[in-house]
């Protein structure tokens, strides 16, 4: 029974890993588009929220699916964005 449950778990994890990896080009494209639209002197609140959500998701999920460095970089950018908005407020 345990072996069957383990096999199902790892099959599901592999499926989620593939799904995450397949979604990365679109996710990074959204992040790139947000960065290109970013105005440092007056960034729109909606754009900041969008960037924060994408970076937070990447930071939290990347290591789980084998993208440790991507997760670290996303966390660093998320923190820098938070500092920018904190000082802006």
PDB file of N, CA and C in Angstrom:
ATOM      1  N   UNK A   1       0.822  -1.186   0.000  1.00  0.00           N
ATOM      2  CA  UNK A   1       0.000   0.000   0.000  1.00  0.00           C
ATOM      3  C   UNK A   1       0.870   1.255   0.000  1.00  0.00           C
ATOM      4  N   UNK A   2       1.876   1.282   0.831  1.00  0.00           N
ATOM      5  CA  UNK A   2       2.756   2.433   0.934  1.00  0.00           C
ATOM      6  C   UNK A   2       3.461   2.709  -0.392  1.00  0.00           C
ATOM      7  N   UNK A   3       3.906   1.662  -1.042  1.00  0.00           N
ATOM      8  CA  UNK A   3       4.603   1.824  -2.316  1.00  0.00           C
ATOM      9  C   UNK A   3       3.700   2.447  -3.374  1.00  0.00           C
ATOM     10  N   UNK A   4       2.448   2.046  -3.393  1.00  0.00           N
ATOM     11  CA  UNK A   4       1.480   2.603  -4.333  1.00  0.00           C
ATOM     12  C   UNK A   4       1.227   4.079  -4.044  1.00  0.00           C
ATOM     13  N   UNK A   5       1.092   4.417  -2.770  1.00  0.00           N
ATOM     14  CA  UNK A   5       0.878   5.813  -2.378  1.00  0.00           C
ATOM     15  C   UNK A   5       2.097   6.648  -2.732  1.00  0.00           C
ATOM     16  N   UNK A   6       3.293   6.115  -2.500  1.00  0.00           N
ATOM     17  CA  UNK A   6       4.516   6.822  -2.851  1.00  0.00           C
ATOM     18  C   UNK A   6       4.597   7.057  -4.355  1.00  0.00           C
ATOM     19  N   UNK A   7       4.282   6.034  -5.119  1.00  0.00           N
ATOM     20  CA  UNK A   7       4.331   6.158  -6.576  1.00  0.00           C
ATOM     21  C   UNK A   7       3.337   7.212  -7.060  1.00  0.00           C
ATOM     22  N   UNK A   8       2.155   7.224  -6.484  1.00  0.00           N
ATOM     23  CA  UNK A   8       1.152   8.227  -6.857  1.00  0.00           C
ATOM     24  C   UNK A   8       1.611   9.624  -6.478  1.00  0.00           C
ATOM     25  N   UNK A   9       2.190   9.745  -5.285  1.00  0.00           N
ATOM     26  CA  UNK A   9       2.688  11.034  -4.830  1.00  0.00           C
ATOM     27  C   UNK A   9       3.762  11.567  -5.777  1.00  0.00           C
ATOM     28  N   UNK A  10       4.742  10.733  -6.099  1.00  0.00           N
ATOM     29  CA  UNK A  10       5.835  11.185  -6.959  1.00  0.00           C
ATOM     30  C   UNK A  10       5.372  11.429  -8.391  1.00  0.00           C
ATOM     31  N   UNK A  11       4.391  10.683  -8.842  1.00  0.00           N
ATOM     32  CA  UNK A  11       3.824  10.933 -10.173  1.00  0.00           C
ATOM     33  C   UNK A  11       3.119  12.285 -10.190  1.00  0.00           C
ATOM     34  N   UNK A  12       2.377  12.572  -9.162  1.00  0.00           N
ATOM     35  CA  UNK A  12       1.677  13.858  -9.062  1.00  0.00           C
ATOM     36  C   UNK A  12       2.680  15.003  -8.933  1.00  0.00           C
ATOM     37  N   UNK A  13       3.721  14.808  -8.144  1.00  0.00           N
ATOM     38  CA  UNK A  13       4.761  15.828  -7.986  1.00  0.00           C
ATOM     39  C   UNK A  13       5.459  16.096  -9.316  1.00  0.00           C
ATOM     40  N   UNK A  14       5.751  15.046 -10.067  1.00  0.00           N
ATOM     41  CA  UNK A  14       6.375  15.212 -11.382  1.00  0.00           C
ATOM     42  C   UNK A  14       5.444  15.970 -12.323  1.00  0.00           C
ATOM     43  N   UNK A  15       4.166  15.676 -12.246  1.00  0.00           N
ATOM     44  CA  UNK A  15       3.172  16.373 -13.069  1.00  0.00           C
ATOM     45  C   UNK A  15       3.134  17.865 -12.717  1.00  0.00           C
ATOM     46  N   UNK A  16       3.137  18.174 -11.432  1.00  0.00           N
ATOM     47  CA  UNK A  16       3.136  19.575 -10.995  1.00  0.00           C
ATOM     48  C   UNK A  16       4.436  20.280 -11.387  1.00  0.00           C
ATOM     49  N   UNK A  17       5.550  19.533 -11.305  1.00  0.00           N
ATOM     50  CA  UNK A  17       6.839  20.098 -11.702  1.00  0.00           C
ATOM     51  C   UNK A  17       6.822  20.466 -13.187  1.00  0.00           C
ATOM     52  N   UNK A  18       6.309  19.566 -14.012  1.00  0.00           N
ATOM     53  CA  UNK A  18       6.223  19.827 -15.451  1.00  0.00           C
ATOM     54  C   UNK A  18       5.315  21.032 -15.732  1.00  0.00           C
ATOM     55  N   UNK A  19       4.209  21.101 -15.017  1.00  0.00           N
ATOM     56  CA  UNK A  19       3.276  22.212 -15.197  1.00  0.00           C
ATOM     57  C   UNK A  19       3.936  23.534 -14.810  1.00  0.00           C
ATOM     58  N   UNK A  20       4.662  23.533 -13.690  1.00  0.00           N
ATOM     59  CA  UNK A  20       5.362  24.738 -13.243  1.00  0.00           C
ATOM     60  C   UNK A  20       6.399  25.158 -14.277  1.00  0.00           C
ATOM     61  N   UNK A  21       7.205  24.206 -14.735  1.00  0.00           N
ATOM     62  CA  UNK A  21       8.248  24.508 -15.721  1.00  0.00           C
ATOM     63  C   UNK A  21       7.639  25.030 -17.019  1.00  0.00           C
ATOM     64  N   UNK A  22       6.526  24.460 -17.441  1.00  0.00           N
ATOM     65  CA  UNK A  22       5.871  24.899 -18.673  1.00  0.00           C
ATOM     66  C   UNK A  22       5.292  26.304 -18.541  1.00  0.00           C
ATOM     67  N   UNK A  23       4.936  26.688 -17.327  1.00  0.00           N
ATOM     68  CA  UNK A  23       4.347  28.019 -17.125  1.00  0.00           C
ATOM     69  C   UNK A  23       5.396  29.118 -16.975  1.00  0.00           C
ATOM     70  N   UNK A  24       6.663  28.743 -16.793  1.00  0.00           N
ATOM     71  CA  UNK A  24       7.702  29.746 -16.562  1.00  0.00           C
ATOM     72  C   UNK A  24       7.865  30.761 -17.694  1.00  0.00           C
ATOM     73  N   UNK A  25       7.876  30.360 -18.960  1.00  0.00           N
ATOM     74  CA  UNK A  25       8.024  31.384 -19.999  1.00  0.00           C
ATOM     75  C   UNK A  25       6.926  32.454 -19.942  1.00  0.00           C
ATOM     76  N   UNK A  26       5.700  32.041 -19.713  1.00  0.00           N
ATOM     77  CA  UNK A  26       4.606  33.008 -19.617  1.00  0.00           C
ATOM     78  C   UNK A  26       4.757  33.875 -18.364  1.00  0.00           C
ATOM     79  N   UNK A  27       5.096  33.259 -17.252  1.00  0.00           N
ATOM     80  CA  UNK A  27       5.265  33.998 -15.997  1.00  0.00           C
ATOM     81  C   UNK A  27       6.390  35.009 -16.112  1.00  0.00           C
ATOM     82  N   UNK A  28       7.516  34.585 -16.661  1.00  0.00           N
ATOM     83  CA  UNK A  28       8.651  35.497 -16.821  1.00  0.00           C
ATOM     84  C   UNK A  28       8.339  36.569 -17.853  1.00  0.00           C
ATOM     85  N   UNK A  29       7.532  36.245 -18.858  1.00  0.00           N
ATOM     86  CA  UNK A  29       7.099  37.240 -19.836  1.00  0.00           C
ATOM     87  C   UNK A  29       6.243  38.313 -19.187  1.00  0.00           C
ATOM     88  N   UNK A  30       5.332  37.904 -18.292  1.00  0.00           N
ATOM     89  CA  UNK A  30       4.506  38.878 -17.569  1.00  0.00           C
ATOM     90  C   UNK A  30       5.370  39.769 -16.688  1.00  0.00           C
ATOM     91  N   UNK A  31       6.353  39.181 -16.052  1.00  0.00           N
ATOM     92  CA  UNK A  31       7.250  39.946 -15.195  1.00  0.00           C
ATOM     93  C   UNK A  31       8.086  40.915 -16.024  1.00  0.00           C
ATOM     94  N   UNK A  32       8.549  40.468 -17.177  1.00  0.00           N
ATOM     95  CA  UNK A  32       9.329  41.330 -18.069  1.00  0.00           C
ATOM     96  C   UNK A  32       8.489  42.496 -18.589  1.00  0.00           C
ATOM     97  N   UNK A  33       7.249  42.212 -18.964  1.00  0.00           N
ATOM     98  CA  UNK A  33       6.361  43.279 -19.449  1.00  0.00           C
ATOM     99  C   UNK A  33       6.095  44.294 -18.340  1.00  0.00           C
ATOM    100  N   UNK A  34       5.904  43.813 -17.121  1.00  0.00           N
ATOM    101  CA  UNK A  34       5.688  44.724 -15.992  1.00  0.00           C
ATOM    102  C   UNK A  34       6.930  45.566 -15.755  1.00  0.00           C
ATOM    103  N   UNK A  35       8.085  44.947 -15.854  1.00  0.00           N
ATOM    104  CA  UNK A  35       9.346  45.698 -15.665  1.00  0.00           C
ATOM    105  C   UNK A  35       9.512  46.763 -16.735  1.00  0.00           C
ATOM    106  N   UNK A  36       9.159  46.446 -17.976  1.00  0.00           N
ATOM    107  CA  UNK A  36       9.286  47.413 -19.060  1.00  0.00           C
ATOM    108  C   UNK A  36       8.324  48.588 -18.891  1.00  0.00           C
ATOM    109  N   UNK A  37       7.199  48.355 -18.237  1.00  0.00           N
ATOM    110  CA  UNK A  37       6.214  49.416 -18.015  1.00  0.00           C
ATOM    111  C   UNK A  37       6.470  50.172 -16.714  1.00  0.00           C
ATOM    112  N   UNK A  38       7.437  49.735 -15.943  1.00  0.00           N
ATOM    113  CA  UNK A  38       7.699  50.305 -14.621  1.00  0.00           C
ATOM    114  C   UNK A  38       8.333  51.687 -14.746  1.00  0.00           C
ATOM    115  N   UNK A  39       7.722  52.657 -14.113  1.00  0.00           N
ATOM    116  CA  UNK A  39       8.265  54.012 -14.050  1.00  0.00           C
ATOM    117  C   UNK A  39       8.807  54.227 -12.639  1.00  0.00           C
ATOM    118  N   UNK A  40      10.128  54.253 -12.472  1.00  0.00           N
ATOM    119  CA  UNK A  40      10.699  54.342 -11.118  1.00  0.00           C
ATOM    120  C   UNK A  40      10.235  55.565 -10.323  1.00  0.00           C
ATOM    121  N   UNK A  41      10.001  56.666 -11.002  1.00  0.00           N
ATOM    122  CA  UNK A  41       9.628  57.880 -10.277  1.00  0.00           C
ATOM    123  C   UNK A  41       8.171  57.869  -9.822  1.00  0.00           C
ATOM    124  N   UNK A  42       7.302  57.197 -10.588  1.00  0.00           N
ATOM    125  CA  UNK A  42       5.878  57.131 -10.244  1.00  0.00           C
ATOM    126  C   UNK A  42       5.298  55.790 -10.688  1.00  0.00           C
ATOM    127  N   UNK A  43       5.700  54.720 -10.036  1.00  0.00           N
ATOM    128  CA  UNK A  43       5.168  53.407 -10.449  1.00  0.00           C
ATOM    129  C   UNK A  43       3.690  53.271 -10.069  1.00  0.00           C
ATOM    130  N   UNK A  44       2.867  52.839 -11.013  1.00  0.00           N
ATOM    131  CA  UNK A  44       1.453  52.634 -10.693  1.00  0.00           C
ATOM    132  C   UNK A  44       1.281  51.527  -9.649  1.00  0.00           C
ATOM    133  N   UNK A  45       0.369  51.759  -8.717  1.00  0.00           N
ATOM    134  CA  UNK A  45       0.142  50.792  -7.634  1.00  0.00           C
ATOM    135  C   UNK A  45      -0.250  49.421  -8.176  1.00  0.00           C
ATOM    136  N   UNK A  46      -1.067  49.391  -9.219  1.00  0.00           N
ATOM    137  CA  UNK A  46      -1.501  48.101  -9.781  1.00  0.00           C
ATOM    138  C   UNK A  46      -0.316  47.324 -10.348  1.00  0.00           C
ATOM    139  N   UNK A  47       0.616  48.028 -10.957  1.00  0.00           N
ATOM    140  CA  UNK A  47       1.800  47.379 -11.522  1.00  0.00           C
ATOM    141  C   UNK A  47       2.683  46.829 -10.400  1.00  0.00           C
ATOM    142  N   UNK A  48       2.829  47.583  -9.339  1.00  0.00           N
ATOM    143  CA  UNK A  48       3.617  47.120  -8.193  1.00  0.00           C
ATOM    144  C   UNK A  48       2.976  45.870  -7.600  1.00  0.00           C
ATOM    145  N   UNK A  49       1.660  45.882  -7.459  1.00  0.00           N
ATOM    146  CA  UNK A  49       0.956  44.718  -6.915  1.00  0.00           C
ATOM    147  C   UNK A  49       1.140  43.502  -7.811  1.00  0.00           C
ATOM    148  N   UNK A  50       1.069  43.716  -9.130  1.00  0.00           N
ATOM    149  CA  UNK A  50       1.250  42.608 -10.070  1.00  0.00           C
ATOM    150  C   UNK A  50       2.665  42.035  -9.965  1.00  0.00           C
ATOM    151  N   UNK A  51       3.663  42.912  -9.957  1.00  0.00           N
ATOM    152  CA  UNK A  51       5.048  42.455  -9.855  1.00  0.00           C
ATOM    153  C   UNK A  51       5.273  41.724  -8.535  1.00  0.00           C
ATOM    154  N   UNK A  52       4.726  42.271  -7.456  1.00  0.00           N
ATOM    155  CA  UNK A  52       4.899  41.640  -6.154  1.00  0.00           C
ATOM    156  C   UNK A  52       4.276  40.245  -6.142  1.00  0.00           C
ATOM    157  N   UNK A  53       3.082  40.116  -6.700  1.00  0.00           N
ATOM    158  CA  UNK A  53       2.402  38.809  -6.718  1.00  0.00           C
ATOM    159  C   UNK A  53       3.207  37.779  -7.511  1.00  0.00           C
ATOM    160  N   UNK A  54       3.707  38.175  -8.672  1.00  0.00           N
ATOM    161  CA  UNK A  54       4.482  37.245  -9.500  1.00  0.00           C
ATOM    162  C   UNK A  54       5.775  36.857  -8.787  1.00  0.00           C
ATOM    163  N   UNK A  55       6.483  37.844  -8.251  1.00  0.00           N
ATOM    164  CA  UNK A  55       7.744  37.561  -7.567  1.00  0.00           C
ATOM    165  C   UNK A  55       7.522  36.705  -6.320  1.00  0.00           C
ATOM    166  N   UNK A  56       6.466  36.986  -5.590  1.00  0.00           N
ATOM    167  CA  UNK A  56       6.174  36.216  -4.375  1.00  0.00           C
ATOM    168  C   UNK A  56       5.882  34.752  -4.725  1.00  0.00           C
ATOM    169  N   UNK A  57       5.102  34.547  -5.764  1.00  0.00           N
ATOM    170  CA  UNK A  57       4.788  33.188  -6.200  1.00  0.00           C
ATOM    171  C   UNK A  57       6.042  32.455  -6.656  1.00  0.00           C
ATOM    172  N   UNK A  58       6.860  33.128  -7.458  1.00  0.00           N
ATOM    173  CA  UNK A  58       8.108  32.508  -7.910  1.00  0.00           C
ATOM    174  C   UNK A  58       9.025  32.185  -6.737  1.00  0.00           C
ATOM    175  N   UNK A  59       9.141  33.121  -5.810  1.00  0.00           N
ATOM    176  CA  UNK A  59      10.017  32.910  -4.657  1.00  0.00           C
ATOM    177  C   UNK A  59       9.555  31.722  -3.825  1.00  0.00           C
ATOM    178  N   UNK A  60       8.260  31.576  -3.675  1.00  0.00           N
ATOM    179  CA  UNK A  60       7.738  30.504  -2.844  1.00  0.00           C
ATOM    180  C   UNK A  60       7.698  29.145  -3.507  1.00  0.00           C
ATOM    181  N   UNK A  61       7.544  29.113  -4.821  1.00  0.00           N
ATOM    182  CA  UNK A  61       7.335  27.846  -5.524  1.00  0.00           C
ATOM    183  C   UNK A  61       8.577  27.293  -6.208  1.00  0.00           C
ATOM    184  N   UNK A  62       9.464  28.142  -6.592  1.00  0.00           N
ATOM    185  CA  UNK A  62      10.590  27.718  -7.435  1.00  0.00           C
ATOM    186  C   UNK A  62      11.434  26.603  -6.835  1.00  0.00           C
ATOM    187  N   UNK A  63      11.814  26.743  -5.590  1.00  0.00           N
ATOM    188  CA  UNK A  63      12.677  25.729  -4.971  1.00  0.00           C
ATOM    189  C   UNK A  63      11.974  24.377  -4.883  1.00  0.00           C
ATOM    190  N   UNK A  64      10.675  24.401  -4.652  1.00  0.00           N
ATOM    191  CA  UNK A  64       9.914  23.152  -4.572  1.00  0.00           C
ATOM    192  C   UNK A  64      10.036  22.349  -5.853  1.00  0.00           C
ATOM    193  N   UNK A  65      10.106  23.059  -6.978  1.00  0.00           N
ATOM    194  CA  UNK A  65      10.120  22.394  -8.275  1.00  0.00           C
ATOM    195  C   UNK A  65      11.502  22.359  -8.921  1.00  0.00           C
ATOM    196  N   UNK A  66      12.541  22.588  -8.111  1.00  0.00           N
ATOM    197  CA  UNK A  66      13.901  22.418  -8.596  1.00  0.00           C
ATOM    198  C   UNK A  66      14.543  23.654  -9.201  1.00  0.00           C
ATOM    199  N   UNK A  67      13.963  24.811  -8.970  1.00  0.00           N
ATOM    200  CA  UNK A  67      14.504  26.059  -9.505  1.00  0.00           C
ATOM    201  C   UNK A  67      14.952  26.945  -8.339  1.00  0.00           C
ATOM    202  N   UNK A  68      15.885  26.440  -7.566  1.00  0.00           N
ATOM    203  CA  UNK A  68      16.321  27.104  -6.333  1.00  0.00           C
ATOM    204  C   UNK A  68      16.867  28.506  -6.582  1.00  0.00           C
ATOM    205  N   UNK A  69      17.726  28.657  -7.575  1.00  0.00           N
ATOM    206  CA  UNK A  69      18.336  29.966  -7.837  1.00  0.00           C
ATOM    207  C   UNK A  69      17.289  30.963  -8.316  1.00  0.00           C
ATOM    208  N   UNK A  70      16.362  30.524  -9.153  1.00  0.00           N
ATOM    209  CA  UNK A  70      15.263  31.396  -9.582  1.00  0.00           C
ATOM    210  C   UNK A  70      14.478  31.872  -8.369  1.00  0.00           C
ATOM    211  N   UNK A  71      14.201  30.984  -7.443  1.00  0.00           N
ATOM    212  CA  UNK A  71      13.480  31.352  -6.227  1.00  0.00           C
ATOM    213  C   UNK A  71      14.239  32.369  -5.394  1.00  0.00           C
ATOM    214  N   UNK A  72      15.540  32.192  -5.282  1.00  0.00           N
ATOM    215  CA  UNK A  72      16.360  33.135  -4.514  1.00  0.00           C
ATOM    216  C   UNK A  72      16.362  34.511  -5.169  1.00  0.00           C
ATOM    217  N   UNK A  73      16.501  34.528  -6.482  1.00  0.00           N
ATOM    218  CA  UNK A  73      16.505  35.810  -7.200  1.00  0.00           C
ATOM    219  C   UNK A  73      15.147  36.499  -7.102  1.00  0.00           C
ATOM    220  N   UNK A  74      14.083  35.729  -7.216  1.00  0.00           N
ATOM    221  CA  UNK A  74      12.742  36.306  -7.093  1.00  0.00           C
ATOM    222  C   UNK A  74      12.538  36.881  -5.698  1.00  0.00           C
ATOM    223  N   UNK A  75      12.998  36.176  -4.673  1.00  0.00           N
ATOM    224  CA  UNK A  75      12.872  36.673  -3.293  1.00  0.00           C
ATOM    225  C   UNK A  75      13.640  37.976  -3.126  1.00  0.00           C
ATOM    226  N   UNK A  76      14.850  38.037  -3.691  1.00  0.00           N
ATOM    227  CA  UNK A  76      15.647  39.253  -3.594  1.00  0.00           C
ATOM    228  C   UNK A  76      14.934  40.433  -4.268  1.00  0.00           C
ATOM    229  N   UNK A  77      14.386  40.196  -5.462  1.00  0.00           N
ATOM    230  CA  UNK A  77      13.672  41.262  -6.163  1.00  0.00           C
ATOM    231  C   UNK A  77      12.394  41.654  -5.426  1.00  0.00           C
ATOM    232  N   UNK A  78      11.719  40.677  -4.872  1.00  0.00           N
ATOM    233  CA  UNK A  78      10.501  40.963  -4.089  1.00  0.00           C
ATOM    234  C   UNK A  78      10.850  41.871  -2.906  1.00  0.00           C
ATOM    235  N   UNK A  79      11.934  41.577  -2.227  1.00  0.00           N
ATOM    236  CA  UNK A  79      12.353  42.391  -1.082  1.00  0.00           C
ATOM    237  C   UNK A  79      12.764  43.797  -1.517  1.00  0.00           C
ATOM    238  N   UNK A  80      13.436  43.896  -2.639  1.00  0.00           N
ATOM    239  CA  UNK A  80      13.832  45.222  -3.143  1.00  0.00           C
ATOM    240  C   UNK A  80      12.604  46.042  -3.528  1.00  0.00           C
ATOM    241  N   UNK A  81      11.624  45.384  -4.119  1.00  0.00           N
ATOM    242  CA  UNK A  81      10.386  46.072  -4.471  1.00  0.00           C
ATOM    243  C   UNK A  81       9.675  46.546  -3.204  1.00  0.00           C
ATOM    244  N   UNK A  82       9.677  45.719  -2.179  1.00  0.00           N
ATOM    245  CA  UNK A  82       9.055  46.101  -0.902  1.00  0.00           C
ATOM    246  C   UNK A  82       9.762  47.310  -0.301  1.00  0.00           C
ATOM    247  N   UNK A  83      11.092  47.341  -0.351  1.00  0.00           N
ATOM    248  CA  UNK A  83      11.857  48.477   0.166  1.00  0.00           C
ATOM    249  C   UNK A  83      11.508  49.736  -0.639  1.00  0.00           C
ATOM    250  N   UNK A  84      11.448  49.602  -1.945  1.00  0.00           N
ATOM    251  CA  UNK A  84      11.120  50.741  -2.797  1.00  0.00           C
ATOM    252  C   UNK A  84       9.750  51.314  -2.429  1.00  0.00           C
ATOM    253  N   UNK A  85       8.771  50.463  -2.253  1.00  0.00           N
ATOM    254  CA  UNK A  85       7.422  50.941  -1.952  1.00  0.00           C
ATOM    255  C   UNK A  85       7.326  51.454  -0.508  1.00  0.00           C
ATOM    256  N   UNK A  86       8.117  50.900   0.386  1.00  0.00           N
ATOM    257  CA  UNK A  86       8.100  51.380   1.767  1.00  0.00           C
ATOM    258  C   UNK A  86       8.653  52.792   1.850  1.00  0.00           C
ATOM    259  N   UNK A  87       9.780  53.029   1.188  1.00  0.00           N
ATOM    260  CA  UNK A  87      10.363  54.366   1.214  1.00  0.00           C
ATOM    261  C   UNK A  87       9.530  55.346   0.428  1.00  0.00           C
ATOM    262  N   UNK A  88       8.841  54.864  -0.583  1.00  0.00           N
ATOM    263  CA  UNK A  88       7.967  55.712  -1.375  1.00  0.00           C
ATOM    264  C   UNK A  88       6.790  56.189  -0.546  1.00  0.00           C
ATOM    265  N   UNK A  89       6.283  55.313   0.333  1.00  0.00           N
ATOM    266  CA  UNK A  89       5.153  55.673   1.186  1.00  0.00           C
ATOM    267  C   UNK A  89       5.599  56.669   2.241  1.00  0.00           C
TER     268      UNK A  89
END
